[in-house]
Protein backbone atom coordinates (compact mmCIF):
# COMPACT_ATOMS: atom_id res chain seq x y z
CA MET A 1 -43.25 50.50 49.08
CA LYS A 2 -43.50 46.78 49.72
CA THR A 3 -44.87 46.25 46.24
CA VAL A 4 -42.00 48.15 44.62
CA THR A 5 -39.44 46.34 46.74
CA GLY A 6 -41.01 43.03 45.85
CA ARG A 7 -40.85 43.82 42.16
CA ARG A 8 -37.16 44.78 42.41
CA SER A 9 -36.39 41.62 44.32
CA SER A 10 -38.10 39.38 41.77
CA SER A 11 -36.33 41.26 38.94
CA ARG A 12 -32.96 40.59 40.57
CA LYS A 13 -33.85 36.91 40.98
CA ARG A 14 -34.75 36.64 37.29
CA THR A 15 -31.48 38.36 36.33
CA LYS A 16 -29.47 35.92 38.46
CA LYS A 17 -31.29 32.99 36.92
CA ASN A 18 -30.50 34.27 33.43
CA ARG A 19 -26.80 34.84 34.10
CA PRO A 20 -25.65 31.22 33.47
CA TRP A 21 -27.33 31.29 30.05
CA LEU A 22 -25.78 34.68 29.28
CA LEU A 23 -22.35 33.39 30.28
CA LEU A 24 -22.81 30.29 28.12
CA PHE A 25 -23.85 32.46 25.17
CA ARG A 26 -20.75 34.62 25.57
CA VAL A 27 -18.46 31.57 25.78
CA VAL A 28 -20.00 30.05 22.64
CA ALA A 29 -19.75 33.38 20.81
CA TRP A 30 -16.06 33.72 21.72
CA MET A 31 -15.39 30.14 20.65
CA ILE A 32 -17.04 30.77 17.29
CA CYS A 33 -14.98 33.95 16.80
CA ALA A 34 -11.79 32.12 17.76
CA GLY A 35 -12.64 29.28 15.36
CA VAL A 36 -13.27 31.68 12.48
CA PHE A 37 -10.00 33.50 13.21
CA TRP A 38 -8.06 30.21 13.40
CA CYS A 39 -9.50 28.90 10.13
CA GLY A 40 -8.73 32.23 8.46
CA TYR A 41 -5.14 32.11 9.73
CA LEU A 42 -4.60 28.58 8.44
CA LEU A 43 -6.17 29.40 5.06
CA TRP A 44 -3.79 32.36 4.85
CA LEU A 45 -0.85 30.02 5.49
CA ILE A 46 -2.14 27.44 3.00
CA ASN A 47 -2.91 29.87 0.17
CA GLY A 48 -0.04 32.23 0.86
CA TYR A 49 2.74 29.71 0.30
CA PRO A 50 4.90 30.87 -2.65
CA ILE A 51 5.10 28.13 -5.26
CA ASP A 52 6.75 30.10 -8.05
CA LYS A 53 10.17 30.52 -6.45
CA PRO A 54 13.07 29.13 -8.52
CA LEU A 55 14.48 25.85 -7.25
CA ASN A 56 18.13 25.10 -6.62
CA LYS A 57 19.53 21.78 -7.81
CA ALA A 58 19.25 19.06 -5.17
CA ASP A 59 20.46 15.52 -4.62
CA ALA A 60 16.94 14.10 -4.45
CA GLY A 61 13.25 14.91 -4.43
CA ILE A 62 10.84 13.41 -1.91
CA VAL A 63 7.47 12.73 -3.51
CA LEU A 64 4.79 12.65 -0.81
CA GLY A 65 2.33 9.85 -1.43
CA ALA A 66 -1.40 9.96 -2.11
CA ALA A 67 -4.04 7.38 -2.95
CA LEU A 68 -3.74 4.58 -5.47
CA TRP A 69 -6.80 3.52 -7.42
CA ASN A 70 -6.63 -0.19 -8.20
CA ASP A 71 -2.85 -0.09 -7.69
CA VAL A 72 -2.50 2.83 -10.10
CA PRO A 73 -1.79 6.40 -8.95
CA SER A 74 -4.94 8.47 -8.57
CA PRO A 75 -5.29 11.56 -10.81
CA ALA A 76 -4.03 13.77 -7.96
CA LEU A 77 -1.00 11.55 -7.33
CA LYS A 78 -0.26 11.54 -11.05
CA GLU A 79 -0.02 15.33 -10.88
CA ARG A 80 2.67 15.09 -8.20
CA LEU A 81 4.50 12.40 -10.15
CA ASP A 82 4.36 14.32 -13.43
CA PHE A 83 5.76 17.34 -11.59
CA ALA A 84 8.52 15.19 -10.07
CA PHE A 85 9.26 13.76 -13.53
CA GLN A 86 9.67 17.28 -14.91
CA LEU A 87 12.12 18.16 -12.14
CA TYR A 88 14.08 14.98 -12.80
CA LYS A 89 14.22 15.52 -16.56
CA ALA A 90 15.31 19.12 -16.03
CA GLY A 91 18.21 17.93 -13.87
CA THR A 92 16.88 19.70 -10.76
CA VAL A 93 17.01 16.40 -8.84
CA ASP A 94 19.18 13.37 -9.46
CA LYS A 95 17.03 10.82 -7.62
CA LEU A 96 13.50 10.53 -6.29
CA ILE A 97 12.44 9.13 -2.92
CA LEU A 98 8.89 7.82 -3.29
CA SER A 99 7.09 7.81 0.04
CA GLY A 100 3.88 6.03 1.02
CA GLY A 101 2.68 2.77 2.52
CA LEU A 102 -0.53 0.81 2.05
CA ASP A 103 -3.42 3.27 1.98
CA GLY A 104 -6.12 0.87 3.17
CA ASN A 105 -8.44 1.25 0.18
CA GLY A 106 -7.92 -2.26 -1.14
CA SER A 107 -4.68 -1.67 -3.06
CA THR A 108 -2.21 -4.54 -3.05
CA LEU A 109 0.75 -2.24 -3.70
CA THR A 110 2.12 0.43 -1.42
CA GLU A 111 1.82 4.00 -2.66
CA ALA A 112 5.60 4.00 -3.19
CA GLU A 113 5.41 0.87 -5.38
CA GLY A 114 2.58 2.33 -7.44
CA MET A 115 4.57 5.54 -7.91
CA ARG A 116 7.67 3.58 -8.94
CA ASN A 117 5.73 1.66 -11.60
CA TYR A 118 4.29 4.89 -12.99
CA LEU A 119 7.64 6.67 -13.20
CA MET A 120 9.45 3.66 -14.67
CA ALA A 121 6.80 3.54 -17.40
CA LYS A 122 7.72 7.16 -18.15
CA GLY A 123 11.37 6.20 -18.59
CA ILE A 124 13.09 6.70 -15.22
CA SER A 125 15.40 3.80 -14.37
CA ALA A 126 14.84 1.85 -11.15
CA ASP A 127 18.23 2.85 -9.70
CA LYS A 128 17.06 6.47 -9.58
CA LEU A 129 14.02 5.61 -7.48
CA LEU A 130 14.23 4.94 -3.73
CA LEU A 131 11.15 3.49 -2.05
CA GLU A 132 9.79 4.30 1.39
CA ASN A 133 6.99 1.78 1.96
CA LYS A 134 5.79 2.39 5.54
CA ALA A 135 4.45 5.92 5.88
CA THR A 136 0.77 6.60 6.51
CA SER A 137 0.98 10.35 7.26
CA THR A 138 2.92 13.40 6.13
CA TYR A 139 4.98 13.28 9.32
CA GLU A 140 5.95 9.68 8.59
CA ASN A 141 6.50 10.43 4.88
CA LEU A 142 9.12 12.99 5.77
CA GLY A 143 10.60 11.20 8.77
CA TYR A 144 11.16 7.88 7.01
CA SER A 145 12.34 9.60 3.82
CA LYS A 146 14.89 11.61 5.80
CA LYS A 147 16.39 8.34 7.08
CA ILE A 148 16.60 6.97 3.52
CA ALA A 149 18.28 10.19 2.36
CA GLU A 150 20.86 9.97 5.15
CA GLU A 151 21.59 6.30 4.39
CA ASN A 152 22.25 7.21 0.74
CA ASN A 153 24.27 10.37 1.43
CA LEU A 154 21.63 12.60 -0.14
CA ASN A 155 22.17 15.92 1.57
CA THR A 156 20.04 18.42 -0.35
CA LEU A 157 16.37 17.62 -0.78
CA ILE A 158 13.23 18.94 -2.45
CA VAL A 159 9.87 17.98 -0.97
CA ILE A 160 7.39 17.53 -3.83
CA THR A 161 3.66 17.89 -3.21
CA HIS A 162 0.58 20.01 -4.04
CA ASP A 163 0.31 23.71 -3.27
CA TYR A 164 -2.36 23.30 -0.56
CA HIS A 165 -0.08 20.83 1.24
CA ALA A 166 3.16 22.81 0.98
CA ALA A 167 2.99 25.00 4.10
CA ARG A 168 2.29 22.09 6.46
CA SER A 169 4.96 19.95 4.78
CA LYS A 170 7.53 22.70 5.30
CA GLU A 171 6.65 23.03 9.00
CA ILE A 172 6.91 19.28 9.53
CA ALA A 173 10.26 19.11 7.70
CA LYS A 174 11.61 21.85 9.95
CA THR A 175 10.38 20.03 13.04
CA LEU A 176 12.14 16.87 11.81
CA ASP A 177 15.35 18.90 11.51
CA PHE A 178 15.77 18.78 7.75
CA LYS A 179 18.93 20.74 7.05
CA GLN A 180 19.02 21.72 3.39
CA PHE A 181 15.61 21.41 1.81
CA GLN A 182 13.12 23.19 -0.40
CA VAL A 183 9.42 22.58 -1.01
CA ALA A 184 8.22 22.40 -4.61
CA ALA A 185 4.47 22.45 -5.13
CA THR A 186 2.19 22.04 -8.09
CA LYS A 187 -1.37 23.28 -8.51
CA SER A 188 -4.07 20.71 -9.08
CA LYS A 189 -6.47 20.62 -11.99
CA VAL A 190 -8.35 17.57 -10.71
CA LEU A 191 -8.93 18.24 -7.00
CA ASN A 192 -11.85 20.20 -5.57
CA PRO A 193 -10.21 23.27 -3.97
CA VAL A 194 -12.96 23.86 -1.40
CA TYR A 195 -12.93 20.26 -0.19
CA ASN A 196 -9.15 19.99 -0.12
CA GLU A 197 -8.55 23.30 1.62
CA SER A 198 -11.21 22.44 4.22
CA ARG A 199 -9.60 19.06 4.77
CA GLU A 200 -6.17 20.68 4.98
CA VAL A 201 -7.41 23.10 7.66
CA LEU A 202 -8.37 20.10 9.79
CA ALA A 203 -5.08 18.32 9.05
CA PHE A 204 -3.10 21.47 9.81
CA THR A 205 -4.97 21.90 13.11
CA LYS A 206 -4.14 18.32 14.07
CA TRP A 207 -0.49 18.94 13.16
CA LYS A 208 -0.39 22.05 15.38
CA VAL A 209 -1.68 19.97 18.30
CA ASP A 210 0.88 17.23 17.56
CA TRP A 211 3.63 19.86 17.33
CA LEU A 212 2.63 21.25 20.72
CA LEU A 213 2.74 17.76 22.26
CA LEU A 214 6.17 17.18 20.72
CA THR A 215 7.42 20.54 21.96
CA ILE A 216 6.40 20.00 25.58
CA GLY A 217 7.71 16.43 25.52
CA ILE A 218 4.44 14.55 25.91
CA ARG A 219 5.11 12.68 22.67
CA PRO A 220 8.64 11.66 21.57
CA SER A 221 9.63 13.08 18.19
CA ASP A 222 10.15 9.58 16.80
CA SER A 223 7.01 8.05 18.31
CA SER A 224 5.32 7.49 14.96
CA LEU A 225 8.49 6.57 13.02
């Protein structure tokens, strides 16, 4: 009897010793499942944004900036600008707000200045182009551009960007209390979809955290403007 009791006792001791590792395994497994679910949800938002809806005429389009290469718009930024040019030529927008500051890659021009030069070379006059030269994030792009729109009595706006960026841009515009706005997005032929969607998942996650901080009042809504 003593032998059997001793065996049971040592078995219980081993089980208790193993419990912390079992608990840790369960926590890690749940975290992995939650992470997979979250990434899937964001990818659904990113890829599910409708980009083929017809656009109503607006006072201005806001072109969200991207990198310059040697002071010239990168291939991806050219895609946004060509799309904006099409909207302008079609009469969908009367003016364009070009948004983007110095991107820190050695360019001597702001993204907005590089975009202006590109569009003027395509035939748009300077008086149709409004520059926002300070933004370094999508939140700042939209926040600063909203102020420019208000100063110029531009009431209806179209946010112009790529398809993978559209859903987050719309959420940020709503948070910034844009009244009458649409989001127009173009597909990219030059960007790597896997890389950009992965990067956008991280950026979208950061935005959700920022939104939560704004909502509970830890960060003022104009803290980065």
